[in-house]
Amino acid sequence: MNKTITRLKYVFIGLFLLSSGGVLAYHAMWVWPKERCEARGGAWAGKWLKCATVYPIETLTRRPANVPPINGETDAPPAAAQSAVQPKK
C-alpha cells in the first residue's frame, strides 16, 4: 500500500508540474506579448502571434481626409438599400 501512495504522489506532482508549465508557456507566448502590443497601440494578430501597426488609409493612399468620393460616388445608394430590406411577398 505504501508503494501505491508513493507512486500516486509522483503522478500528481508530475501532473501539477506539467499543467503549471503549460499555463506559464501560454502566458509567455500569448497573453504577455498581446498586452505589450496593445499597450503601445498595436493590433495583435493572434493567428501569427505578431504585433502589427495600424495605418490609416489616408497614410497609404496619400489622400487627404474629408475629401468627397471620386466621381461623385456615394457610399450606398438609398434605393438599393431599401429594396434589399423589404421582404418578398
N, C-alpha and C. Protein backbone atom coordinates (compact mmCIF):
# COMPACT_ATOMS: atom_id res chain seq x y z
N MET A 1 0.82 -1.20 0.00
CA MET A 1 0.00 0.00 0.00
C MET A 1 0.87 1.26 0.00
N ASN A 2 1.96 1.24 0.71
CA ASN A 2 2.84 2.41 0.77
C ASN A 2 3.45 2.70 -0.59
N LYS A 3 3.73 1.64 -1.37
CA LYS A 3 4.29 1.81 -2.70
C LYS A 3 3.28 2.49 -3.64
N THR A 4 2.01 2.17 -3.50
CA THR A 4 0.96 2.76 -4.32
C THR A 4 0.80 4.25 -4.01
N ILE A 5 0.84 4.60 -2.74
CA ILE A 5 0.70 6.01 -2.35
C ILE A 5 1.88 6.81 -2.87
N THR A 6 3.08 6.26 -2.81
CA THR A 6 4.25 6.96 -3.32
C THR A 6 4.14 7.16 -4.83
N ARG A 7 3.68 6.16 -5.54
CA ARG A 7 3.52 6.27 -6.99
C ARG A 7 2.48 7.32 -7.34
N LEU A 8 1.34 7.33 -6.63
CA LEU A 8 0.30 8.33 -6.87
C LEU A 8 0.81 9.75 -6.55
N LYS A 9 1.63 9.85 -5.53
CA LYS A 9 2.20 11.15 -5.18
C LYS A 9 3.05 11.67 -6.33
N TYR A 10 3.87 10.82 -6.92
CA TYR A 10 4.71 11.24 -8.05
C TYR A 10 3.88 11.57 -9.29
N VAL A 11 2.80 10.84 -9.50
CA VAL A 11 1.92 11.11 -10.64
C VAL A 11 1.27 12.47 -10.49
N PHE A 12 0.74 12.78 -9.30
CA PHE A 12 0.09 14.07 -9.09
C PHE A 12 1.09 15.22 -9.12
N ILE A 13 2.27 15.02 -8.61
CA ILE A 13 3.30 16.07 -8.70
C ILE A 13 3.68 16.30 -10.16
N GLY A 14 3.81 15.24 -10.95
CA GLY A 14 4.11 15.37 -12.37
C GLY A 14 3.01 16.10 -13.12
N LEU A 15 1.75 15.76 -12.84
CA LEU A 15 0.62 16.45 -13.49
C LEU A 15 0.58 17.93 -13.11
N PHE A 16 0.87 18.22 -11.84
CA PHE A 16 0.90 19.60 -11.41
C PHE A 16 2.00 20.38 -12.12
N LEU A 17 3.18 19.80 -12.24
CA LEU A 17 4.29 20.48 -12.91
C LEU A 17 4.00 20.68 -14.40
N LEU A 18 3.42 19.68 -15.05
CA LEU A 18 3.08 19.81 -16.47
C LEU A 18 2.02 20.89 -16.70
N SER A 19 0.98 20.91 -15.87
CA SER A 19 -0.06 21.92 -16.05
C SER A 19 0.47 23.31 -15.71
N SER A 20 1.33 23.43 -14.71
CA SER A 20 1.93 24.74 -14.39
C SER A 20 2.82 25.21 -15.54
N GLY A 21 3.58 24.31 -16.13
CA GLY A 21 4.41 24.67 -17.28
C GLY A 21 3.57 25.07 -18.48
N GLY A 22 2.44 24.42 -18.68
CA GLY A 22 1.55 24.77 -19.78
C GLY A 22 0.95 26.15 -19.61
N VAL A 23 0.54 26.48 -18.39
CA VAL A 23 -0.02 27.81 -18.12
C VAL A 23 1.06 28.87 -18.31
N LEU A 24 2.27 28.61 -17.84
CA LEU A 24 3.37 29.56 -17.99
C LEU A 24 3.71 29.76 -19.47
N ALA A 25 3.74 28.68 -20.25
CA ALA A 25 4.03 28.79 -21.68
C ALA A 25 2.93 29.57 -22.41
N TYR A 26 1.67 29.34 -22.05
CA TYR A 26 0.55 30.08 -22.66
C TYR A 26 0.68 31.57 -22.39
N HIS A 27 1.00 31.92 -21.16
CA HIS A 27 1.15 33.34 -20.83
C HIS A 27 2.37 33.94 -21.51
N ALA A 28 3.45 33.20 -21.60
CA ALA A 28 4.68 33.73 -22.21
C ALA A 28 4.54 33.89 -23.72
N MET A 29 3.75 33.04 -24.37
CA MET A 29 3.64 33.09 -25.82
C MET A 29 2.42 33.87 -26.31
N TRP A 30 1.39 34.07 -25.47
CA TRP A 30 0.17 34.69 -25.94
C TRP A 30 -0.23 35.92 -25.12
N VAL A 31 -0.43 35.76 -23.83
CA VAL A 31 -1.03 36.81 -23.01
C VAL A 31 -0.10 38.01 -22.85
N TRP A 32 1.13 37.79 -22.42
CA TRP A 32 2.05 38.90 -22.18
C TRP A 32 2.43 39.65 -23.45
N PRO A 33 2.74 38.97 -24.56
CA PRO A 33 3.01 39.73 -25.79
C PRO A 33 1.79 40.53 -26.28
N LYS A 34 0.60 39.98 -26.12
CA LYS A 34 -0.61 40.69 -26.52
C LYS A 34 -0.80 41.95 -25.69
N GLU A 35 -0.58 41.86 -24.38
CA GLU A 35 -0.71 43.03 -23.52
C GLU A 35 0.32 44.10 -23.88
N ARG A 36 1.56 43.70 -24.16
CA ARG A 36 2.59 44.67 -24.55
C ARG A 36 2.24 45.34 -25.87
N CYS A 37 1.72 44.56 -26.81
CA CYS A 37 1.35 45.09 -28.13
C CYS A 37 0.22 46.10 -28.00
N GLU A 38 -0.82 45.75 -27.28
CA GLU A 38 -1.96 46.64 -27.14
C GLU A 38 -1.61 47.87 -26.31
N ALA A 39 -0.66 47.75 -25.37
CA ALA A 39 -0.26 48.89 -24.56
C ALA A 39 0.44 49.96 -25.40
N ARG A 40 1.16 49.55 -26.42
CA ARG A 40 1.84 50.53 -27.25
C ARG A 40 1.02 50.93 -28.48
N GLY A 41 -0.23 50.48 -28.56
CA GLY A 41 -1.14 50.93 -29.61
C GLY A 41 -1.16 50.07 -30.85
N GLY A 42 -0.62 48.88 -30.80
CA GLY A 42 -0.61 48.00 -31.95
C GLY A 42 -1.85 47.12 -32.01
N ALA A 43 -1.92 46.32 -33.05
CA ALA A 43 -3.02 45.37 -33.23
C ALA A 43 -2.44 43.96 -33.16
N TRP A 44 -2.93 43.13 -32.26
CA TRP A 44 -2.40 41.79 -32.05
C TRP A 44 -3.03 40.83 -33.06
N ALA A 45 -2.19 40.16 -33.83
CA ALA A 45 -2.63 39.14 -34.77
C ALA A 45 -2.36 37.78 -34.14
N GLY A 46 -3.37 37.23 -33.49
CA GLY A 46 -3.20 36.00 -32.74
C GLY A 46 -2.88 34.79 -33.59
N LYS A 47 -3.32 34.79 -34.82
CA LYS A 47 -3.06 33.66 -35.71
C LYS A 47 -1.57 33.50 -35.96
N TRP A 48 -0.87 34.61 -36.09
CA TRP A 48 0.57 34.58 -36.38
C TRP A 48 1.42 34.96 -35.19
N LEU A 49 0.78 35.30 -34.05
CA LEU A 49 1.47 35.74 -32.84
C LEU A 49 2.39 36.92 -33.14
N LYS A 50 1.86 37.89 -33.85
CA LYS A 50 2.63 39.08 -34.23
C LYS A 50 1.87 40.34 -33.83
N CYS A 51 2.63 41.41 -33.64
CA CYS A 51 2.07 42.72 -33.35
C CYS A 51 2.18 43.56 -34.61
N ALA A 52 1.07 44.11 -35.05
CA ALA A 52 1.05 44.91 -36.27
C ALA A 52 0.79 46.37 -35.94
N THR A 53 1.24 47.23 -36.82
CA THR A 53 0.99 48.66 -36.70
C THR A 53 -0.22 49.02 -37.54
N VAL A 54 -1.12 49.78 -36.97
CA VAL A 54 -2.34 50.18 -37.67
C VAL A 54 -2.07 51.51 -38.38
N TYR A 55 -2.28 51.50 -39.69
CA TYR A 55 -2.12 52.71 -40.50
C TYR A 55 -3.47 53.16 -41.01
N PRO A 56 -3.76 54.45 -40.93
CA PRO A 56 -5.00 54.93 -41.56
C PRO A 56 -4.89 54.85 -43.08
N ILE A 57 -5.99 54.72 -43.74
CA ILE A 57 -6.00 54.58 -45.20
C ILE A 57 -5.44 55.82 -45.87
N GLU A 58 -5.59 56.98 -45.23
CA GLU A 58 -5.05 58.21 -45.81
C GLU A 58 -3.53 58.16 -45.89
N THR A 59 -2.89 57.47 -44.97
CA THR A 59 -1.43 57.35 -44.99
C THR A 59 -0.99 56.51 -46.18
N LEU A 60 -1.70 55.45 -46.46
CA LEU A 60 -1.32 54.55 -47.54
C LEU A 60 -1.62 55.15 -48.92
N THR A 61 -2.76 55.83 -49.04
CA THR A 61 -3.16 56.36 -50.35
C THR A 61 -2.67 57.79 -50.58
N ARG A 62 -2.21 58.44 -49.53
CA ARG A 62 -1.77 59.84 -49.56
C ARG A 62 -2.89 60.77 -50.01
N ARG A 63 -4.09 60.40 -49.65
CA ARG A 63 -5.26 61.22 -49.97
C ARG A 63 -5.68 61.95 -48.71
N PRO A 64 -5.95 63.25 -48.78
CA PRO A 64 -6.34 63.99 -47.58
C PRO A 64 -7.65 63.48 -46.99
N ALA A 65 -7.79 63.66 -45.70
CA ALA A 65 -9.03 63.26 -45.03
C ALA A 65 -10.15 64.22 -45.39
N ASN A 66 -11.38 63.78 -45.27
CA ASN A 66 -12.60 64.58 -45.53
C ASN A 66 -12.69 65.06 -46.97
N VAL A 67 -12.24 64.27 -47.91
CA VAL A 67 -12.38 64.59 -49.33
C VAL A 67 -13.57 63.78 -49.84
N PRO A 68 -14.45 64.40 -50.64
CA PRO A 68 -15.60 63.63 -51.15
C PRO A 68 -15.14 62.48 -52.04
N PRO A 69 -15.97 61.46 -52.19
CA PRO A 69 -15.60 60.32 -53.01
C PRO A 69 -15.32 60.72 -54.46
N ILE A 70 -14.51 59.92 -55.14
CA ILE A 70 -14.14 60.19 -56.52
C ILE A 70 -15.36 60.00 -57.42
N ASN A 71 -15.50 60.84 -58.44
CA ASN A 71 -16.57 60.78 -59.44
C ASN A 71 -17.96 60.96 -58.84
N GLY A 72 -18.05 61.58 -57.69
CA GLY A 72 -19.35 61.84 -57.08
C GLY A 72 -20.06 60.61 -56.58
N GLU A 73 -19.37 59.50 -56.38
CA GLU A 73 -20.00 58.27 -55.89
C GLU A 73 -20.41 58.45 -54.44
N THR A 74 -21.47 57.75 -54.04
CA THR A 74 -21.89 57.75 -52.64
C THR A 74 -21.57 56.38 -52.05
N ASP A 75 -21.65 56.30 -50.73
CA ASP A 75 -21.31 55.04 -50.07
C ASP A 75 -22.30 53.93 -50.42
N ALA A 76 -23.60 54.21 -50.30
CA ALA A 76 -24.62 53.22 -50.64
C ALA A 76 -25.83 53.94 -51.21
N PRO A 77 -26.27 53.58 -52.41
CA PRO A 77 -27.46 54.23 -52.96
C PRO A 77 -28.68 53.91 -52.11
N PRO A 78 -29.52 54.91 -51.78
CA PRO A 78 -30.66 54.66 -50.90
C PRO A 78 -31.70 53.73 -51.51
N ALA A 79 -31.90 53.74 -52.82
CA ALA A 79 -32.91 52.87 -53.44
C ALA A 79 -32.51 51.41 -53.31
N ALA A 80 -31.24 51.10 -53.50
CA ALA A 80 -30.79 49.72 -53.40
C ALA A 80 -30.85 49.24 -51.96
N ALA A 81 -30.58 50.10 -51.01
CA ALA A 81 -30.62 49.71 -49.60
C ALA A 81 -32.05 49.40 -49.17
N GLN A 82 -33.04 50.16 -49.66
CA GLN A 82 -34.43 49.92 -49.28
C GLN A 82 -34.97 48.65 -49.91
N SER A 83 -34.62 48.39 -51.15
CA SER A 83 -35.14 47.19 -51.81
C SER A 83 -34.57 45.92 -51.20
N ALA A 84 -33.35 46.00 -50.66
CA ALA A 84 -32.75 44.81 -50.06
C ALA A 84 -33.40 44.51 -48.72
N VAL A 85 -33.96 45.49 -48.06
CA VAL A 85 -34.53 45.30 -46.73
C VAL A 85 -35.96 44.78 -46.81
N GLN A 86 -36.72 45.14 -47.85
CA GLN A 86 -38.12 44.76 -47.95
C GLN A 86 -38.24 43.26 -48.18
N PRO A 87 -39.13 42.60 -47.40
CA PRO A 87 -39.33 41.15 -47.60
C PRO A 87 -40.11 40.87 -48.87
N LYS A 88 -39.87 39.71 -49.44
CA LYS A 88 -40.58 39.29 -50.64
C LYS A 88 -41.97 38.79 -50.27
N LYS A 89 -42.94 39.05 -51.17
CA LYS A 89 -44.32 38.60 -50.91
C LYS A 89 -44.64 37.40 -51.73
